[in-house]
C-alpha atoms as a PDB file:
ATOM      1  CA  MET A   1      -4.299  52.267  -3.162  1.00  0.00           C
ATOM      2  CA  THR A   2      -2.544  52.522   0.182  1.00  0.00           C
ATOM      3  CA  GLN A   3       0.328  54.681   1.370  1.00  0.00           C
ATOM      4  CA  SER A   4       2.935  53.493   3.815  1.00  0.00           C
ATOM      5  CA  VAL A   5       3.805  56.203   6.316  1.00  0.00           C
ATOM      6  CA  HIS A   6       6.447  55.156   8.818  1.00  0.00           C
ATOM      7  CA  GLY A   7       5.690  51.509   8.067  1.00  0.00           C
ATOM      8  CA  ILE A   8       1.930  51.824   8.667  1.00  0.00           C
ATOM      9  CA  GLU A   9      -0.168  51.131   5.576  1.00  0.00           C
ATOM     10  CA  SER A  10      -2.882  53.760   5.322  1.00  0.00           C
ATOM     11  CA  LEU A  11      -5.597  54.663   2.848  1.00  0.00           C
ATOM     12  CA  PRO A  12      -5.048  58.134   1.382  1.00  0.00           C
ATOM     13  CA  ASN A  13      -7.207  61.191   0.934  1.00  0.00           C
ATOM     14  CA  PRO A  14      -4.591  63.315  -0.860  1.00  0.00           C
ATOM     15  CA  GLU A  15      -5.043  67.061  -1.164  1.00  0.00           C
ATOM     16  CA  ARG A  16      -2.988  69.715  -2.886  1.00  0.00           C
ATOM     17  CA  PHE A  17      -2.590  73.283  -1.745  1.00  0.00           C
ATOM     18  CA  SER A  18      -1.959  76.258  -3.985  1.00  0.00           C
ATOM     19  CA  GLY A  19       1.029  78.532  -3.599  1.00  0.00           C
ATOM     20  CA  SER A  20       3.895  76.527  -2.173  1.00  0.00           C
ATOM     21  CA  ARG A  21       3.679  73.033  -3.473  1.00  0.00           C
ATOM     22  CA  VAL A  22       2.764  71.054  -0.394  1.00  0.00           C
ATOM     23  CA  GLU A  23       1.104  67.663  -0.417  1.00  0.00           C
ATOM     24  CA  ALA A  24      -1.022  66.614   2.518  1.00  0.00           C
ATOM     25  CA  PHE A  25      -1.784  62.973   3.135  1.00  0.00           C
ATOM     26  CA  SER A  26      -4.519  61.994   5.533  1.00  0.00           C
ATOM     27  CA  GLY A  27      -5.600  58.458   6.062  1.00  0.00           C
ATOM     28  CA  MET A  28      -6.229  55.688   8.507  1.00  0.00           C
ATOM     29  CA  ALA A  29      -4.454  52.449   9.336  1.00  0.00           C
ATOM     30  CA  THR A  30      -5.789  49.945   6.813  1.00  0.00           C
ATOM     31  CA  GLU A  31      -6.733  47.329   9.416  1.00  0.00           C
ATOM     32  CA  LEU A  32      -8.916  49.853  11.253  1.00  0.00           C
ATOM     33  CA  TYR A  33     -10.405  51.314   8.080  1.00  0.00           C
ATOM     34  CA  GLU A  34     -11.457  47.864   6.918  1.00  0.00           C
ATOM     35  CA  LEU A  35     -13.328  47.301  10.187  1.00  0.00           C
ATOM     36  CA  LEU A  36     -15.219  50.586   9.772  1.00  0.00           C
ATOM     37  CA  ALA A  37     -15.928  49.931   6.085  1.00  0.00           C
ATOM     38  CA  ALA A  38     -17.465  46.590   7.046  1.00  0.00           C
ATOM     39  CA  GLY A  39     -19.655  48.306   9.661  1.00  0.00           C
ATOM     40  CA  ARG A  40     -17.839  46.623  12.552  1.00  0.00           C
ATOM     41  CA  VAL A  41     -17.704  49.791  14.667  1.00  0.00           C
ATOM     42  CA  GLU A  42     -17.437  48.128  18.079  1.00  0.00           C
ATOM     43  CA  GLU A  43     -14.599  45.923  16.826  1.00  0.00           C
ATOM     44  CA  TYR A  44     -12.894  49.046  15.435  1.00  0.00           C
ATOM     45  CA  ARG A  45     -13.227  50.806  18.799  1.00  0.00           C
ATOM     46  CA  HIS A  46     -11.818  47.795  20.640  1.00  0.00           C
ATOM     47  CA  ARG A  47      -8.893  47.401  18.224  1.00  0.00           C
ATOM     48  CA  ALA A  48      -8.142  51.151  18.178  1.00  0.00           C
ATOM     49  CA  TYR A  49      -8.113  51.147  21.986  1.00  0.00           C
ATOM     50  CA  GLU A  50      -5.705  48.160  22.003  1.00  0.00           C
ATOM     51  CA  ARG A  51      -3.367  50.023  19.628  1.00  0.00           C
ATOM     52  CA  ARG A  52      -3.297  53.245  21.697  1.00  0.00           C
ATOM     53  CA  GLY A  53       0.266  54.068  22.610  1.00  0.00           C
ATOM     54  CA  THR A  54       1.715  51.748  19.944  1.00  0.00           C
ATOM     55  CA  TRP A  55       1.785  54.286  17.110  1.00  0.00           C
ATOM     56  CA  PRO A  56       5.134  55.902  16.274  1.00  0.00           C
ATOM     57  CA  THR A  57       5.991  58.990  18.299  1.00  0.00           C
ATOM     58  CA  GLU A  58       8.398  60.601  15.827  1.00  0.00           C
ATOM     59  CA  VAL A  59       7.164  63.900  14.442  1.00  0.00           C
ATOM     60  CA  THR A  60       8.972  63.680  11.094  1.00  0.00           C
ATOM     61  CA  VAL A  61       9.384  60.945   8.513  1.00  0.00           C
ATOM     62  CA  PRO A  62      12.255  61.194   5.993  1.00  0.00           C
ATOM     63  CA  GLU A  63      10.163  60.705   2.841  1.00  0.00           C
ATOM     64  CA  TRP A  64       7.381  63.021   4.061  1.00  0.00           C
ATOM     65  CA  GLY A  65       8.343  65.527   6.729  1.00  0.00           C
ATOM     66  CA  PRO A  66       5.919  66.448   9.522  1.00  0.00           C
ATOM     67  CA  VAL A  67       3.655  63.557  10.497  1.00  0.00           C
ATOM     68  CA  SER A  68       1.053  62.962  13.167  1.00  0.00           C
ATOM     69  CA  PHE A  69      -0.520  59.705  14.313  1.00  0.00           C
ATOM     70  CA  GLY A  70      -3.803  59.771  16.223  1.00  0.00           C
ATOM     71  CA  ASP A  71      -4.770  57.243  18.890  1.00  0.00           C
ATOM     72  CA  ASP A  72      -7.726  56.312  16.669  1.00  0.00           C
ATOM     73  CA  GLY A  73      -5.451  55.061  13.855  1.00  0.00           C
ATOM     74  CA  THR A  74      -5.507  58.224  11.764  1.00  0.00           C
ATOM     75  CA  VAL A  75      -2.382  59.638  10.175  1.00  0.00           C
ATOM     76  CA  MET A  76      -1.586  63.051   8.701  1.00  0.00           C
ATOM     77  CA  ALA A  77       1.641  63.775   6.846  1.00  0.00           C
ATOM     78  CA  LEU A  78       2.940  66.750   4.864  1.00  0.00           C
ATOM     79  CA  ARG A  79       5.686  67.026   2.288  1.00  0.00           C
ATOM     80  CA  MET A  80       7.063  69.692   0.012  1.00  0.00           C
ATOM     81  CA  LEU A  81       6.816  68.992  -3.703  1.00  0.00           C
ATOM     82  CA  PRO A  82       9.280  70.216  -6.328  1.00  0.00           C
ATOM     83  CA  PRO A  83       8.307  73.463  -8.050  1.00  0.00           C
ATOM     84  CA  ARG A  84       6.186  73.059 -11.153  1.00  0.00           C
ATOM     85  CA  ALA A  85       7.783  73.776 -14.481  1.00  0.00           C
ATOM     86  CA  ASN A  86       6.281  76.876 -16.047  1.00  0.00           C
ATOM     87  CA  THR A  87       3.499  75.413 -18.169  1.00  0.00           C
ATOM     88  CA  SER A  88       1.868  78.677 -19.236  1.00  0.00           C
ATOM     89  CA  PRO A  89       1.821  79.201 -22.986  1.00  0.00           C
ATOM     90  CA  ALA A  90       4.374  81.511 -24.525  1.00  0.00           C
ATOM     91  CA  PRO A  91       3.015  84.977 -25.304  1.00  0.00           C
ATOM     92  CA  HIS A  92       1.634  85.292 -28.801  1.00  0.00           C
ATOM     93  CA  GLN A  93       4.159  86.913 -31.121  1.00  0.00           C
ATOM     94  CA  GLN A  94       2.837  88.887 -34.069  1.00  0.00           C
ATOM     95  CA  THR A  95       4.456  88.483 -37.448  1.00  0.00           C
ATOM     96  CA  ASP A  96       4.079  91.134 -40.134  1.00  0.00           C
END
């Protein structure tokens, strides 16, 4: 499953952090990932070098928040998640 971050389809490695509900997305441009997955490392290096300077330079994306694009085709984005509903069980009430 891919994620589109600022119009660049990327493969996710989602992580969740405790405390504040923050979601971190890290991935890589699909076209570059597919080259690496196929073992075509030199082709990946050539293509990544060609793409240098073409990645977005904005530091925030409306649906995510802070985002960073690496020259190697990697992407990292963060977003706040809504608070969780209290899912802890109600305290046990004794009946006499």
